[in-house]
């Protein structure tokens, strides 16, 4: 491959990656949405994040594993409790990382 074709590929991939992010903002920023739709849309991001988290915790290897051997569940429990108690992303991440480190190194 030539250097020119590599640059064309990089630029093409960049455009394809950024268009789905820019176009909705450019198109819909001019409109005022009704309050019920805004409220409904406010739940989309937490729902997507929750589903990704549940998938990562309950099926880390592609199959659902709700057993005592699933380290992700054991790390998730204290992380969730800290997140509920403190509502702090920093402390939640700290507890989650520390929990996983302890589980991988000592159990």
N, C-alpha and C. Protein backbone atom coordinates (compact mmCIF):
# COMPACT_ATOMS: atom_id res chain seq x y z
N UNK A 1 0.84 -1.19 0.00
CA UNK A 1 0.00 0.00 0.00
C UNK A 1 0.87 1.24 0.00
N UNK A 2 0.41 2.19 -0.74
CA UNK A 2 1.17 3.43 -0.79
C UNK A 2 0.75 4.35 0.36
N UNK A 3 1.57 5.32 0.62
CA UNK A 3 1.30 6.28 1.69
C UNK A 3 0.02 7.06 1.38
N UNK A 4 -0.20 7.37 0.10
CA UNK A 4 -1.39 8.12 -0.29
C UNK A 4 -2.65 7.33 0.00
N UNK A 5 -2.66 6.04 -0.32
CA UNK A 5 -3.86 5.23 -0.07
C UNK A 5 -4.12 5.06 1.42
N UNK A 6 -3.08 5.01 2.21
CA UNK A 6 -3.26 4.92 3.66
C UNK A 6 -3.90 6.20 4.19
N UNK A 7 -3.44 7.36 3.70
CA UNK A 7 -4.03 8.63 4.13
C UNK A 7 -5.48 8.74 3.69
N UNK A 8 -5.78 8.28 2.49
CA UNK A 8 -7.17 8.29 2.01
C UNK A 8 -8.04 7.41 2.88
N UNK A 9 -7.53 6.25 3.29
CA UNK A 9 -8.29 5.36 4.18
C UNK A 9 -8.51 6.00 5.54
N UNK A 10 -7.49 6.65 6.08
CA UNK A 10 -7.62 7.30 7.39
C UNK A 10 -8.66 8.41 7.32
N UNK A 11 -8.60 9.22 6.28
CA UNK A 11 -9.57 10.31 6.13
C UNK A 11 -10.98 9.76 5.93
N UNK A 12 -11.10 8.71 5.12
CA UNK A 12 -12.41 8.10 4.89
C UNK A 12 -13.01 7.52 6.15
N UNK A 13 -12.22 6.80 6.90
CA UNK A 13 -12.70 6.22 8.16
C UNK A 13 -13.07 7.32 9.15
N UNK A 14 -12.31 8.40 9.17
CA UNK A 14 -12.62 9.52 10.06
C UNK A 14 -13.96 10.15 9.71
N UNK A 15 -14.19 10.34 8.42
CA UNK A 15 -15.46 10.92 7.98
C UNK A 15 -16.63 10.00 8.31
N UNK A 16 -16.48 8.72 8.03
CA UNK A 16 -17.54 7.77 8.33
C UNK A 16 -17.80 7.67 9.83
N UNK A 17 -16.78 7.85 10.62
CA UNK A 17 -16.94 7.79 12.08
C UNK A 17 -17.59 9.04 12.65
N UNK A 18 -17.27 10.20 12.10
CA UNK A 18 -17.76 11.44 12.68
C UNK A 18 -19.15 11.84 12.16
N UNK A 19 -19.52 11.43 10.97
CA UNK A 19 -20.82 11.81 10.41
C UNK A 19 -22.01 11.39 11.27
N UNK A 20 -22.06 10.14 11.76
CA UNK A 20 -23.21 9.77 12.60
C UNK A 20 -23.28 10.55 13.92
N UNK A 21 -22.20 11.15 14.32
CA UNK A 21 -22.19 11.94 15.55
C UNK A 21 -22.58 13.39 15.30
N UNK A 22 -22.18 13.92 14.17
CA UNK A 22 -22.41 15.33 13.86
C UNK A 22 -23.78 15.56 13.23
N UNK A 23 -24.20 14.69 12.33
CA UNK A 23 -25.45 14.91 11.61
C UNK A 23 -26.68 15.05 12.51
N UNK A 24 -26.90 14.16 13.48
CA UNK A 24 -28.08 14.34 14.33
C UNK A 24 -28.07 15.67 15.08
N UNK A 25 -26.91 16.07 15.56
CA UNK A 25 -26.81 17.35 16.28
C UNK A 25 -27.11 18.49 15.32
N UNK A 26 -26.56 18.43 14.13
CA UNK A 26 -26.77 19.51 13.16
C UNK A 26 -28.23 19.57 12.71
N UNK A 27 -28.86 18.43 12.55
CA UNK A 27 -30.24 18.41 12.06
C UNK A 27 -31.27 18.73 13.13
N UNK A 28 -31.09 18.19 14.33
CA UNK A 28 -32.13 18.30 15.36
C UNK A 28 -31.91 19.42 16.36
N UNK A 29 -30.79 20.13 16.29
CA UNK A 29 -30.56 21.20 17.25
C UNK A 29 -31.47 22.41 17.00
N UNK A 30 -32.05 22.48 15.83
CA UNK A 30 -32.93 23.60 15.50
C UNK A 30 -34.35 23.41 16.02
N UNK A 31 -34.70 22.20 16.39
CA UNK A 31 -36.07 21.89 16.80
C UNK A 31 -36.22 21.90 18.31
N UNK A 32 -37.39 22.25 18.77
CA UNK A 32 -37.74 22.16 20.20
C UNK A 32 -38.68 20.96 20.35
N UNK A 33 -38.24 20.00 21.12
CA UNK A 33 -39.03 18.78 21.29
C UNK A 33 -40.03 18.94 22.43
N UNK A 34 -41.15 18.23 22.37
CA UNK A 34 -42.13 18.27 23.46
C UNK A 34 -41.53 17.70 24.76
N UNK A 35 -42.05 18.16 25.88
CA UNK A 35 -41.53 17.74 27.19
C UNK A 35 -41.60 16.22 27.39
N UNK A 36 -42.70 15.53 27.02
CA UNK A 36 -42.71 14.07 27.21
C UNK A 36 -41.61 13.35 26.42
N UNK A 37 -41.32 13.84 25.22
CA UNK A 37 -40.25 13.23 24.43
C UNK A 37 -38.89 13.49 25.06
N UNK A 38 -38.66 14.69 25.55
CA UNK A 38 -37.40 15.00 26.25
C UNK A 38 -37.23 14.11 27.47
N UNK A 39 -38.32 13.94 28.21
CA UNK A 39 -38.26 13.09 29.42
C UNK A 39 -37.93 11.65 29.02
N UNK A 40 -38.59 11.16 27.98
CA UNK A 40 -38.34 9.80 27.53
C UNK A 40 -36.89 9.65 27.06
N UNK A 41 -36.40 10.61 26.30
CA UNK A 41 -35.02 10.55 25.81
C UNK A 41 -34.00 10.62 26.94
N UNK A 42 -34.36 11.23 28.06
CA UNK A 42 -33.43 11.32 29.18
C UNK A 42 -33.14 9.96 29.80
N UNK A 43 -33.99 8.97 29.52
CA UNK A 43 -33.78 7.63 30.06
C UNK A 43 -32.97 6.73 29.14
N UNK A 44 -32.71 7.17 27.92
CA UNK A 44 -32.03 6.31 26.95
C UNK A 44 -30.59 6.01 27.38
N UNK A 45 -29.81 7.03 27.72
CA UNK A 45 -28.41 6.81 28.09
C UNK A 45 -28.26 5.91 29.33
N UNK A 46 -29.02 6.16 30.42
CA UNK A 46 -28.90 5.25 31.56
C UNK A 46 -29.32 3.82 31.23
N UNK A 47 -30.33 3.67 30.38
CA UNK A 47 -30.78 2.32 30.01
C UNK A 47 -29.71 1.59 29.21
N UNK A 48 -29.07 2.27 28.28
CA UNK A 48 -28.01 1.65 27.48
C UNK A 48 -26.82 1.30 28.37
N UNK A 49 -26.43 2.22 29.25
CA UNK A 49 -25.32 1.95 30.16
C UNK A 49 -25.63 0.78 31.09
N UNK A 50 -26.86 0.72 31.59
CA UNK A 50 -27.26 -0.39 32.46
C UNK A 50 -27.23 -1.72 31.73
N UNK A 51 -27.69 -1.74 30.50
CA UNK A 51 -27.68 -3.00 29.75
C UNK A 51 -26.25 -3.46 29.46
N UNK A 52 -25.38 -2.53 29.13
CA UNK A 52 -23.98 -2.90 28.89
C UNK A 52 -23.31 -3.40 30.17
N UNK A 53 -23.63 -2.74 31.29
CA UNK A 53 -23.07 -3.17 32.57
C UNK A 53 -23.57 -4.55 32.94
N UNK A 54 -24.88 -4.78 32.79
CA UNK A 54 -25.45 -6.09 33.12
C UNK A 54 -24.83 -7.19 32.27
N UNK A 55 -24.65 -6.91 31.00
CA UNK A 55 -24.04 -7.90 30.10
C UNK A 55 -22.60 -8.20 30.52
N UNK A 56 -21.86 -7.17 30.89
CA UNK A 56 -20.46 -7.37 31.29
C UNK A 56 -20.35 -8.11 32.61
N UNK A 57 -21.28 -7.89 33.51
CA UNK A 57 -21.20 -8.51 34.83
C UNK A 57 -21.76 -9.94 34.80
N UNK A 58 -22.89 -10.12 34.15
CA UNK A 58 -23.57 -11.42 34.21
C UNK A 58 -23.12 -12.40 33.13
N UNK A 59 -22.55 -11.90 32.05
CA UNK A 59 -22.10 -12.78 30.97
C UNK A 59 -20.71 -12.36 30.49
N UNK A 60 -19.71 -12.43 31.35
CA UNK A 60 -18.38 -11.94 30.95
C UNK A 60 -17.73 -12.76 29.83
N UNK A 61 -18.10 -14.03 29.71
CA UNK A 61 -17.48 -14.89 28.69
C UNK A 61 -18.45 -15.22 27.56
N UNK A 62 -19.55 -14.47 27.46
CA UNK A 62 -20.50 -14.70 26.39
C UNK A 62 -21.70 -15.54 26.79
N UNK A 63 -21.63 -16.22 27.91
CA UNK A 63 -22.74 -17.02 28.41
C UNK A 63 -23.07 -16.54 29.82
N UNK A 64 -24.34 -16.52 30.15
CA UNK A 64 -24.75 -16.04 31.47
C UNK A 64 -24.14 -16.93 32.55
N UNK A 65 -23.50 -16.28 33.51
CA UNK A 65 -22.84 -16.99 34.60
C UNK A 65 -23.23 -16.34 35.92
N UNK A 66 -24.29 -16.86 36.53
CA UNK A 66 -24.71 -16.37 37.84
C UNK A 66 -24.30 -17.43 38.86
N UNK A 67 -23.04 -17.42 39.18
CA UNK A 67 -22.51 -18.40 40.12
C UNK A 67 -21.56 -17.71 41.09
N UNK A 68 -21.14 -18.44 42.08
CA UNK A 68 -20.22 -17.92 43.08
C UNK A 68 -18.84 -17.67 42.47
N UNK A 69 -18.51 -18.38 41.41
CA UNK A 69 -17.20 -18.23 40.78
C UNK A 69 -17.08 -16.98 39.91
N UNK A 70 -18.18 -16.31 39.61
CA UNK A 70 -18.16 -15.11 38.77
C UNK A 70 -17.61 -13.94 39.58
N UNK A 71 -16.36 -13.59 39.31
CA UNK A 71 -15.69 -12.52 40.06
C UNK A 71 -16.32 -11.15 39.78
N UNK A 72 -16.89 -11.00 38.61
CA UNK A 72 -17.47 -9.71 38.24
C UNK A 72 -18.67 -9.36 39.12
N UNK A 73 -19.45 -10.37 39.50
CA UNK A 73 -20.58 -10.12 40.40
C UNK A 73 -20.07 -9.67 41.76
N UNK A 74 -19.03 -10.33 42.24
CA UNK A 74 -18.48 -9.98 43.56
C UNK A 74 -17.87 -8.58 43.55
N UNK A 75 -17.29 -8.17 42.46
CA UNK A 75 -16.76 -6.81 42.37
C UNK A 75 -17.87 -5.79 42.18
N UNK A 76 -18.95 -6.19 41.53
CA UNK A 76 -20.07 -5.28 41.25
C UNK A 76 -20.82 -4.91 42.53
N UNK A 77 -20.94 -5.82 43.46
CA UNK A 77 -21.74 -5.57 44.68
C UNK A 77 -21.19 -4.40 45.49
N UNK A 78 -19.92 -4.39 45.91
CA UNK A 78 -19.44 -3.22 46.66
C UNK A 78 -19.41 -1.94 45.82
N UNK A 79 -19.16 -2.09 44.52
CA UNK A 79 -19.14 -0.92 43.64
C UNK A 79 -20.53 -0.29 43.58
N UNK A 80 -21.55 -1.10 43.43
CA UNK A 80 -22.93 -0.59 43.39
C UNK A 80 -23.31 0.07 44.71
N UNK A 81 -22.93 -0.54 45.82
CA UNK A 81 -23.25 0.04 47.12
C UNK A 81 -22.57 1.40 47.31
N UNK A 82 -21.32 1.51 46.91
CA UNK A 82 -20.61 2.79 47.01
C UNK A 82 -21.24 3.82 46.07
N UNK A 83 -21.62 3.39 44.88
CA UNK A 83 -22.25 4.32 43.92
C UNK A 83 -23.57 4.85 44.47
N UNK A 84 -24.36 3.98 45.08
CA UNK A 84 -25.65 4.41 45.65
C UNK A 84 -25.42 5.34 46.83
N UNK A 85 -24.46 5.00 47.67
CA UNK A 85 -24.21 5.78 48.89
C UNK A 85 -23.59 7.15 48.58
N UNK A 86 -22.56 7.17 47.74
CA UNK A 86 -21.81 8.42 47.54
C UNK A 86 -22.26 9.20 46.30
N UNK A 87 -22.84 8.50 45.32
CA UNK A 87 -23.20 9.11 44.03
C UNK A 87 -21.98 9.79 43.39
N UNK A 88 -20.82 9.20 43.60
CA UNK A 88 -19.56 9.75 43.09
C UNK A 88 -18.95 8.76 42.10
N UNK A 89 -18.70 9.22 40.89
CA UNK A 89 -18.07 8.38 39.89
C UNK A 89 -16.65 8.00 40.32
N UNK A 90 -15.94 8.94 40.92
CA UNK A 90 -14.57 8.68 41.35
C UNK A 90 -14.51 7.53 42.36
N UNK A 91 -15.32 7.62 43.41
CA UNK A 91 -15.31 6.57 44.44
C UNK A 91 -15.81 5.24 43.89
N UNK A 92 -16.79 5.28 43.01
CA UNK A 92 -17.29 4.05 42.40
C UNK A 92 -16.21 3.37 41.58
N UNK A 93 -15.50 4.14 40.77
CA UNK A 93 -14.41 3.57 39.98
C UNK A 93 -13.30 3.05 40.88
N UNK A 94 -12.99 3.79 41.91
CA UNK A 94 -11.94 3.38 42.83
C UNK A 94 -12.28 2.04 43.49
N UNK A 95 -13.50 1.91 43.98
CA UNK A 95 -13.92 0.66 44.63
C UNK A 95 -14.00 -0.47 43.61
N UNK A 96 -14.50 -0.19 42.40
CA UNK A 96 -14.58 -1.23 41.38
C UNK A 96 -13.22 -1.75 40.97
N UNK A 97 -12.28 -0.85 40.74
CA UNK A 97 -10.93 -1.26 40.35
C UNK A 97 -10.24 -2.00 41.49
N UNK A 98 -10.39 -1.49 42.71
CA UNK A 98 -9.78 -2.16 43.87
C UNK A 98 -10.39 -3.54 44.08
N UNK A 99 -11.70 -3.65 43.92
CA UNK A 99 -12.37 -4.95 44.09
C UNK A 99 -11.86 -5.97 43.07
N UNK A 100 -11.77 -5.54 41.81
CA UNK A 100 -11.28 -6.46 40.79
C UNK A 100 -9.82 -6.83 41.04
N UNK A 101 -9.02 -5.87 41.47
CA UNK A 101 -7.61 -6.16 41.74
C UNK A 101 -7.48 -7.17 42.88
N UNK A 102 -8.25 -6.97 43.92
CA UNK A 102 -8.21 -7.93 45.05
C UNK A 102 -8.70 -9.31 44.62
N UNK A 103 -9.78 -9.35 43.87
CA UNK A 103 -10.31 -10.65 43.44
C UNK A 103 -9.37 -11.39 42.50
N UNK A 104 -8.71 -10.67 41.61
CA UNK A 104 -7.79 -11.34 40.68
C UNK A 104 -6.49 -11.77 41.36
N UNK A 105 -6.05 -11.01 42.34
CA UNK A 105 -4.75 -11.31 42.96
C UNK A 105 -4.82 -12.22 44.16
N UNK A 106 -5.95 -12.26 44.86
CA UNK A 106 -6.00 -13.02 46.11
C UNK A 106 -7.02 -14.12 46.12
N UNK A 107 -7.83 -14.23 45.09
CA UNK A 107 -8.84 -15.32 45.09
C UNK A 107 -8.72 -16.10 43.79
